[in-house]
Amino acid sequence: TQLQSILQANRNDPEALIALNNAKIASAQSYAIATSLPIGTDPNGSLEILRGVAQAQTELNQSGGLGGFPLQVVIANDDNNPEIAKQIANALADDAKVLGVVGPYASDVSLAAASVYQSRQLVTISPISTATKLSSFSPYFFRTVPSDYVAARSLANYMLSNLKHQKAAIFFNSQSAYSQSLKSEFQAALSLGGGQTVAEFDLAGSGFSAAQSMETALRQGAEVLMLAANTGTVDAALQVVQVNRRRLAVLAGDDVYTLKTLEVGNEAAVGMVIAIPWHIAAPTSAEFARRSRQLWGADVNWRTVTAYDATRAIAAAAQQNPNRVSIQQSLRNGMESPGASRSVRFLPSGDRDAPVQLVRVSPSNRSARGYDFVPLN
């Protein structure tokens, strides 16, 4: 009753919905999956993921669960800390009911925890981690988000073919596996297409200055700014956007796809192009967008979708045989499962077989902020 009251007051609360679903099951026989998320350090990103998990759990249980048994969800907070994530991995592996894990979040954390999950034969599907190092890193690691290889090539191709520019300045975080991965893949794709990187700037450097970096980039002849920022350096990347004042075209990776970009970037962010896995306004998104609005009373974004797809993939594999090793084998052998907009199938590397969607920051009456992310054809 208390959980239902919470949801009546705030229907957009996925933690309350998961707790309600779990409470309805109580001590009845059930299966379980778990999440490992940075709830303490990135609550907004974690809530976006939990909405996908909660929606998948709700739909699965309403349609009969797994082989007639309902699905419970365990929520764990790893704070995006590799050592904590390892401890959580062991704890989850000790719970025989847990058939798989949605997470971790950051690529660094996934890299650290993957060996533990592999040794304990527990599948993890990350809805967020994109670093190319994770391809074929562990037979028990999968991801529902396209790798940086795909995103970087889409951005480089847009720069060379659509913008008709050749020279880029790249802003990245030298301490982030994701940021390093996106930077390297973008440079490789740019070079293959005849372009070049004329300057590099470490957003996490102690002496980083957006204004000085911008002056250097202009002096070196940059035509495009590429923001390979991770979650922890988005603020610094947005300083670059403000200092740039739309003088140079701006490209970015998916961590820059946040409300903060619209609120802080404002007019200066107009025209920025970002590579993301999914967008609600894309033609194939209509049905899932309708269901998610009906459940949450609000729009969702790509993190919710990739988490939903990860949950449904584990559940689909478990339908055939609710056994950890069998789940891993089904996923590794190319089994297809229903997804939000397209079916989910994993390559032998554990990467998802899916493209990215490019979106552009544009003025919009649809958003209360006056700006929105609009998909490019």
Protein backbone atom coordinates (compact mmCIF):
# COMPACT_ATOMS: atom_id res chain seq x y z
CA THR A 1 0.00 0.00 0.00
CA GLN A 2 2.82 2.40 0.86
CA LEU A 3 4.61 1.69 -2.43
CA GLN A 4 1.41 2.24 -4.39
CA SER A 5 1.00 5.60 -2.61
CA ILE A 6 4.55 6.56 -3.57
CA LEU A 7 3.85 5.75 -7.22
CA GLN A 8 0.59 7.70 -7.16
CA ALA A 9 2.56 10.73 -5.98
CA ASN A 10 5.46 10.11 -8.36
CA ARG A 11 4.68 7.61 -11.11
CA ASN A 12 8.14 8.24 -12.62
CA ASP A 13 9.93 6.44 -9.72
CA PRO A 14 11.39 3.15 -11.01
CA GLU A 15 12.82 2.08 -7.65
CA ALA A 16 9.35 2.18 -6.12
CA LEU A 17 7.89 0.18 -9.04
CA ILE A 18 10.61 -2.48 -8.73
CA ALA A 19 10.04 -2.67 -4.97
CA LEU A 20 6.28 -2.99 -5.56
CA ASN A 21 6.79 -5.77 -8.11
CA ASN A 22 9.11 -7.57 -5.70
CA ALA A 23 6.66 -7.11 -2.80
CA LYS A 24 3.84 -8.67 -4.80
CA ILE A 25 6.01 -11.76 -5.30
CA ALA A 26 6.98 -11.90 -1.61
CA SER A 27 8.25 -15.39 -0.77
CA ALA A 28 6.65 -17.16 -3.74
CA GLN A 29 8.96 -19.08 -6.06
CA SER A 30 10.61 -16.71 -8.53
CA TYR A 31 13.72 -15.95 -10.53
CA ALA A 32 15.84 -12.83 -10.19
CA ILE A 33 18.14 -10.53 -12.07
CA ALA A 34 20.27 -7.78 -10.54
CA THR A 35 21.52 -4.32 -11.40
CA SER A 36 24.91 -2.80 -10.57
CA LEU A 37 24.66 0.98 -10.97
CA PRO A 38 26.28 4.23 -9.75
CA ILE A 39 23.23 5.27 -7.72
CA GLY A 40 25.32 7.24 -5.22
CA THR A 41 27.40 9.16 -7.76
CA ASP A 42 25.06 9.40 -10.78
CA PRO A 43 21.47 9.11 -9.52
CA ASN A 44 19.89 10.53 -12.69
CA GLY A 45 21.68 8.12 -15.02
CA SER A 46 20.88 5.25 -12.67
CA LEU A 47 17.18 6.16 -12.56
CA GLU A 48 17.09 6.21 -16.36
CA ILE A 49 18.47 2.66 -16.40
CA LEU A 50 16.17 1.48 -13.62
CA ARG A 51 13.16 2.68 -15.62
CA GLY A 52 14.13 0.28 -18.41
CA VAL A 53 14.64 -2.59 -15.97
CA ALA A 54 11.39 -1.82 -14.14
CA GLN A 55 9.36 -1.60 -17.36
CA ALA A 56 10.75 -4.92 -18.58
CA GLN A 57 10.07 -6.57 -15.20
CA THR A 58 6.51 -5.23 -15.14
CA GLU A 59 5.73 -6.38 -18.68
CA LEU A 60 7.30 -9.80 -18.13
CA ASN A 61 5.41 -10.46 -14.90
CA GLN A 62 2.13 -9.31 -16.41
CA SER A 63 2.63 -11.79 -19.27
CA GLY A 64 3.44 -14.82 -17.12
CA GLY A 65 7.04 -14.28 -16.03
CA LEU A 66 9.77 -16.81 -16.81
CA GLY A 67 8.25 -20.22 -17.37
CA GLY A 68 5.34 -19.27 -15.15
CA PHE A 69 7.45 -17.81 -12.36
CA PRO A 70 7.71 -14.04 -11.72
CA LEU A 71 10.91 -12.04 -11.96
CA GLN A 72 12.41 -10.16 -9.03
CA VAL A 73 15.04 -7.42 -9.38
CA VAL A 74 17.95 -6.78 -7.01
CA ILE A 75 19.30 -3.21 -6.95
CA ALA A 76 22.97 -2.64 -6.03
CA ASN A 77 24.90 0.64 -5.80
CA ASP A 78 28.51 0.38 -7.00
CA ASP A 79 29.16 4.17 -7.07
CA ASN A 80 30.98 3.65 -10.41
CA ASN A 81 33.85 2.35 -8.25
CA PRO A 82 35.72 -0.66 -9.73
CA GLU A 83 36.57 -2.15 -6.32
CA ILE A 84 33.02 -1.85 -5.02
CA ALA A 85 31.74 -3.35 -8.28
CA LYS A 86 33.98 -6.39 -7.76
CA GLN A 87 32.58 -6.88 -4.25
CA ILE A 88 29.04 -6.59 -5.59
CA ALA A 89 29.85 -9.10 -8.35
CA ASN A 90 30.89 -11.69 -5.77
CA ALA A 91 27.84 -10.97 -3.60
CA LEU A 92 25.46 -11.32 -6.53
CA ALA A 93 27.16 -14.50 -7.69
CA ASP A 94 26.63 -15.96 -4.21
CA ASP A 95 22.85 -15.54 -4.63
CA ALA A 96 21.79 -18.62 -6.61
CA LYS A 97 18.50 -16.97 -7.63
CA VAL A 98 20.28 -14.26 -9.64
CA LEU A 99 20.42 -15.35 -13.29
CA GLY A 100 22.10 -12.26 -14.77
CA VAL A 101 23.12 -8.67 -14.13
CA VAL A 102 22.22 -5.43 -15.92
CA GLY A 103 25.32 -3.26 -15.64
CA PRO A 104 27.84 -2.04 -14.79
CA TYR A 105 27.69 1.58 -16.01
CA ALA A 106 31.12 3.04 -16.83
CA SER A 107 33.48 1.10 -19.10
CA ASP A 108 36.23 1.23 -16.45
CA VAL A 109 33.91 -0.47 -13.97
CA SER A 110 32.81 -3.11 -16.47
CA LEU A 111 36.45 -3.87 -17.29
CA ALA A 112 37.25 -4.30 -13.60
CA ALA A 113 34.26 -6.47 -12.72
CA ALA A 114 34.16 -8.64 -15.86
CA SER A 115 36.78 -11.11 -14.64
CA VAL A 116 34.84 -11.71 -11.42
CA TYR A 117 31.59 -12.34 -13.28
CA GLN A 118 33.39 -14.67 -15.68
CA SER A 119 34.99 -16.69 -12.89
CA ARG A 120 31.58 -17.03 -11.22
CA GLN A 121 29.81 -17.80 -14.53
CA LEU A 122 27.29 -14.97 -14.24
CA VAL A 123 26.23 -13.02 -17.35
CA THR A 124 26.38 -9.23 -17.31
CA ILE A 125 24.81 -7.04 -19.98
CA SER A 126 25.86 -3.40 -19.80
CA PRO A 127 23.43 -0.84 -21.22
CA ILE A 128 26.10 1.89 -21.10
CA SER A 129 29.71 0.66 -21.44
CA THR A 130 30.98 1.35 -24.97
CA ALA A 131 34.81 1.08 -24.78
CA THR A 132 36.26 -1.05 -27.56
CA LYS A 133 38.47 -2.88 -25.00
CA LEU A 134 35.32 -4.70 -23.89
CA SER A 135 34.83 -6.39 -27.27
CA SER A 136 35.63 -10.10 -26.73
CA PHE A 137 36.94 -9.17 -23.26
CA SER A 138 34.95 -11.89 -21.49
CA PRO A 139 32.58 -14.61 -22.73
CA TYR A 140 30.16 -13.57 -19.95
CA PHE A 141 30.10 -9.86 -20.85
CA PHE A 142 27.60 -8.41 -23.35
CA ARG A 143 26.26 -4.94 -24.08
CA THR A 144 23.10 -3.56 -25.61
CA VAL A 145 24.76 -0.27 -26.55
CA PRO A 146 26.83 -0.10 -29.78
CA SER A 147 30.59 0.12 -29.21
CA ASP A 148 32.66 3.26 -29.70
CA TYR A 149 33.83 1.78 -33.00
CA VAL A 150 30.32 2.30 -34.42
CA ALA A 151 29.69 5.73 -32.85
CA ALA A 152 33.11 7.13 -33.82
CA ARG A 153 32.75 6.10 -37.46
CA SER A 154 29.30 7.64 -37.69
CA LEU A 155 30.59 10.94 -36.32
CA ALA A 156 33.71 10.94 -38.50
CA ASN A 157 31.65 10.15 -41.58
CA TYR A 158 29.25 12.99 -40.76
CA MET A 159 32.17 15.39 -40.38
CA LEU A 160 33.81 14.39 -43.65
CA SER A 161 30.74 13.81 -45.82
CA ASN A 162 28.11 16.19 -44.45
CA LEU A 163 30.14 19.03 -42.93
CA LYS A 164 32.88 18.69 -45.58
CA HIS A 165 35.55 19.42 -42.95
CA GLN A 166 38.93 17.72 -42.53
CA LYS A 167 40.52 19.06 -39.32
CA ALA A 168 39.35 18.30 -35.78
CA ALA A 169 40.37 19.22 -32.25
CA ILE A 170 39.51 16.50 -29.73
CA PHE A 171 38.58 17.01 -26.06
CA PHE A 172 38.76 13.87 -23.91
CA ASN A 173 39.49 12.49 -20.42
CA SER A 174 42.81 10.67 -20.24
CA GLN A 175 41.64 8.81 -17.10
CA SER A 176 38.51 7.30 -18.70
CA ALA A 177 38.58 4.07 -20.73
CA TYR A 178 35.42 5.15 -22.54
CA SER A 179 36.78 8.59 -23.39
CA GLN A 180 40.13 7.18 -24.56
CA SER A 181 38.32 4.58 -26.65
CA LEU A 182 36.01 7.07 -28.38
CA LYS A 183 38.93 9.42 -29.05
CA SER A 184 41.10 6.69 -30.59
CA GLU A 185 38.32 5.27 -32.74
CA PHE A 186 37.36 8.74 -33.98
CA GLN A 187 40.97 9.53 -34.88
CA ALA A 188 41.30 6.24 -36.76
CA ALA A 189 38.08 6.79 -38.69
CA LEU A 190 39.02 10.39 -39.46
CA SER A 191 42.44 9.38 -40.74
CA LEU A 192 41.00 6.62 -42.94
CA GLY A 193 38.70 9.20 -44.52
CA GLY A 194 41.50 11.65 -45.24
CA GLY A 195 40.98 13.93 -42.22
CA GLN A 196 43.33 14.72 -39.36
CA THR A 197 43.47 15.63 -35.68
CA VAL A 198 45.17 19.01 -35.26
CA ALA A 199 44.95 19.30 -31.45
CA GLU A 200 44.11 17.24 -28.35
CA PHE A 201 43.00 18.53 -24.93
CA ASP A 202 42.63 16.61 -21.66
CA LEU A 203 39.41 17.77 -19.99
CA ALA A 204 40.57 16.23 -16.70
CA GLY A 205 43.98 17.90 -16.73
CA SER A 206 44.78 20.06 -13.69
CA GLY A 207 45.50 23.12 -15.82
CA PHE A 208 42.66 22.70 -18.33
CA SER A 209 41.20 25.96 -19.57
CA ALA A 210 38.32 26.01 -22.04
CA ALA A 211 39.25 29.48 -23.28
CA GLN A 212 42.94 28.70 -23.81
CA SER A 213 42.13 25.35 -25.45
CA MET A 214 39.74 27.08 -27.81
CA GLU A 215 42.38 29.63 -28.80
CA THR A 216 44.87 26.85 -29.48
CA ALA A 217 42.35 24.88 -31.54
CA LEU A 218 41.61 27.92 -33.71
CA ARG A 219 45.30 28.67 -34.10
CA GLN A 220 45.94 25.08 -35.25
CA GLY A 221 43.28 25.41 -37.94
CA ALA A 222 40.58 23.22 -36.37
CA GLU A 223 37.25 23.21 -38.20
CA VAL A 224 35.42 20.85 -35.84
CA LEU A 225 35.45 20.25 -32.07
CA MET A 226 34.99 16.62 -31.03
CA LEU A 227 33.86 16.17 -27.39
CA ALA A 228 34.79 12.67 -26.25
CA ALA A 229 33.83 13.59 -22.68
CA ASN A 230 32.76 11.04 -20.09
CA THR A 231 30.15 11.68 -17.39
CA GLY A 232 32.68 13.27 -15.01
CA THR A 233 33.94 15.78 -17.58
CA VAL A 234 30.67 16.88 -19.20
CA ASP A 235 30.80 20.16 -17.27
CA ALA A 236 34.25 20.95 -18.69
CA ALA A 237 33.07 19.99 -22.18
CA LEU A 238 30.11 22.35 -21.89
CA GLN A 239 32.50 25.15 -20.96
CA VAL A 240 34.14 24.53 -24.34
CA VAL A 241 30.74 24.74 -26.04
CA GLN A 242 30.04 28.09 -24.38
CA VAL A 243 33.45 29.51 -25.22
CA ASN A 244 33.14 28.30 -28.81
CA ARG A 245 29.92 30.31 -29.32
CA ARG A 246 29.06 28.23 -32.43
CA ARG A 247 32.17 29.36 -34.31
CA LEU A 248 33.21 25.76 -35.05
CA ALA A 249 30.98 22.74 -35.59
CA VAL A 250 30.72 20.45 -32.56
CA LEU A 251 30.43 16.64 -32.43
CA ALA A 252 30.06 14.56 -29.27
CA GLY A 253 29.74 11.09 -27.78
CA ASP A 254 26.69 9.79 -25.93
CA ASP A 255 27.73 10.95 -22.43
CA VAL A 256 27.07 14.53 -23.60
CA TYR A 257 23.45 13.57 -24.31
CA THR A 258 22.01 15.05 -21.09
CA LEU A 259 19.47 17.67 -20.07
CA LYS A 260 22.41 19.67 -18.77
CA THR A 261 23.66 20.10 -22.34
CA LEU A 262 20.38 21.78 -23.27
CA GLU A 263 20.15 23.83 -20.08
CA VAL A 264 23.77 24.95 -19.80
CA GLY A 265 24.72 24.88 -23.49
CA ASN A 266 21.55 26.70 -24.46
CA GLU A 267 21.97 28.75 -27.67
CA ALA A 268 25.69 27.96 -27.82
CA ALA A 269 24.92 24.23 -28.19
CA VAL A 270 22.62 24.63 -31.21
CA GLY A 271 23.92 22.55 -34.12
CA MET A 272 25.92 20.13 -31.96
CA VAL A 273 25.65 16.55 -33.32
CA ILE A 274 25.72 13.61 -30.89
CA ALA A 275 25.85 9.87 -31.57
CA ILE A 276 23.42 7.88 -29.39
CA PRO A 277 21.93 4.37 -29.59
CA TRP A 278 18.24 5.37 -29.76
CA HIS A 279 15.96 8.38 -29.98
CA ILE A 280 12.30 8.62 -29.09
CA ALA A 281 11.39 10.52 -32.27
CA ALA A 282 12.92 7.98 -34.65
CA PRO A 283 10.26 6.14 -36.75
CA THR A 284 10.91 2.71 -35.19
CA SER A 285 10.53 4.08 -31.64
CA ALA A 286 6.80 4.91 -31.71
CA GLU A 287 5.38 1.77 -30.07
CA PHE A 288 7.86 1.64 -27.20
CA ALA A 289 7.50 5.40 -26.71
CA ARG A 290 3.74 4.92 -26.33
CA ARG A 291 4.12 2.13 -23.75
CA SER A 292 6.76 3.95 -21.75
CA ARG A 293 4.72 7.17 -21.63
CA GLN A 294 1.73 5.19 -20.45
CA LEU A 295 3.81 3.69 -17.63
CA TRP A 296 5.92 6.65 -16.56
CA GLY A 297 3.85 9.62 -17.65
CA ALA A 298 6.94 11.07 -19.33
CA ASP A 299 9.38 10.50 -22.18
CA VAL A 300 12.36 8.19 -21.73
CA ASN A 301 15.80 8.30 -23.35
CA TRP A 302 18.29 5.82 -24.78
CA ARG A 303 19.63 4.65 -21.41
CA THR A 304 16.17 3.41 -20.48
CA VAL A 305 15.89 1.61 -23.80
CA THR A 306 19.27 -0.15 -23.64
CA ALA A 307 18.49 -1.24 -20.04
CA TYR A 308 15.09 -2.54 -21.13
CA ASP A 309 16.74 -4.47 -23.96
CA ALA A 310 19.35 -5.92 -21.57
CA THR A 311 16.65 -7.13 -19.17
CA ARG A 312 14.58 -8.66 -21.94
CA ALA A 313 17.67 -10.41 -23.38
CA ILE A 314 18.47 -12.11 -20.05
CA ALA A 315 14.81 -13.06 -19.62
CA ALA A 316 14.54 -14.48 -23.14
CA ALA A 317 17.63 -16.63 -22.62
CA ALA A 318 16.31 -17.77 -19.25
CA GLN A 319 12.95 -18.80 -20.77
CA GLN A 320 14.72 -21.61 -22.60
CA ASN A 321 16.67 -22.81 -19.57
CA PRO A 322 16.92 -20.75 -16.34
CA ASN A 323 20.52 -21.72 -15.73
CA ARG A 324 23.47 -19.30 -15.70
CA VAL A 325 25.65 -21.28 -18.11
CA SER A 326 22.75 -21.95 -20.49
CA ILE A 327 21.86 -18.24 -20.52
CA GLN A 328 25.43 -17.38 -21.48
CA GLN A 329 25.49 -19.98 -24.24
CA SER A 330 22.17 -18.82 -25.71
CA LEU A 331 23.30 -15.20 -25.82
CA ARG A 332 26.75 -16.06 -27.17
CA ASN A 333 25.25 -18.25 -29.93
CA GLY A 334 23.33 -15.35 -31.44
CA MET A 335 19.88 -15.86 -29.94
CA GLU A 336 17.48 -13.02 -30.78
CA SER A 337 15.24 -11.45 -28.16
CA PRO A 338 12.56 -8.75 -28.37
CA GLY A 339 13.79 -5.19 -27.84
CA ALA A 340 12.27 -1.75 -27.53
CA SER A 341 12.65 -0.82 -31.20
CA ARG A 342 14.56 -3.69 -32.79
CA SER A 343 15.41 -7.25 -31.83
CA VAL A 344 18.50 -7.80 -29.71
CA ARG A 345 21.24 -10.05 -31.03
CA PHE A 346 24.84 -10.22 -29.91
CA LEU A 347 27.89 -10.79 -32.10
CA PRO A 348 30.50 -13.38 -30.99
CA SER A 349 32.42 -10.46 -29.45
CA GLY A 350 29.53 -9.72 -27.08
CA ASP A 351 28.81 -6.47 -28.93
CA ARG A 352 25.29 -5.73 -30.06
CA ASP A 353 24.55 -5.89 -33.75
CA ALA A 354 22.98 -2.42 -34.06
CA PRO A 355 23.65 1.06 -35.51
CA VAL A 356 23.72 4.44 -33.77
CA GLN A 357 21.40 7.42 -34.22
CA LEU A 358 22.80 10.90 -34.83
CA VAL A 359 20.88 13.75 -33.18
CA ARG A 360 21.35 17.51 -33.37
CA VAL A 361 20.62 20.18 -30.76
CA SER A 362 17.93 22.42 -32.25
CA PRO A 363 15.47 25.09 -31.08
CA SER A 364 12.21 23.36 -30.18
CA ASN A 365 8.75 24.29 -28.94
CA ARG A 366 8.31 20.70 -27.74
CA SER A 367 10.73 21.24 -24.86
CA ALA A 368 10.21 23.61 -21.93
CA ARG A 369 13.89 24.48 -22.24
CA GLY A 370 13.40 25.83 -25.77
CA TYR A 371 15.93 23.37 -27.20
CA ASP A 372 15.85 19.64 -27.87
CA PHE A 373 17.75 16.75 -29.46
CA VAL A 374 16.31 16.14 -32.93
CA PRO A 375 17.20 12.99 -34.93
CA LEU A 376 19.02 13.39 -38.24
CA ASN A 377 17.93 11.29 -41.19
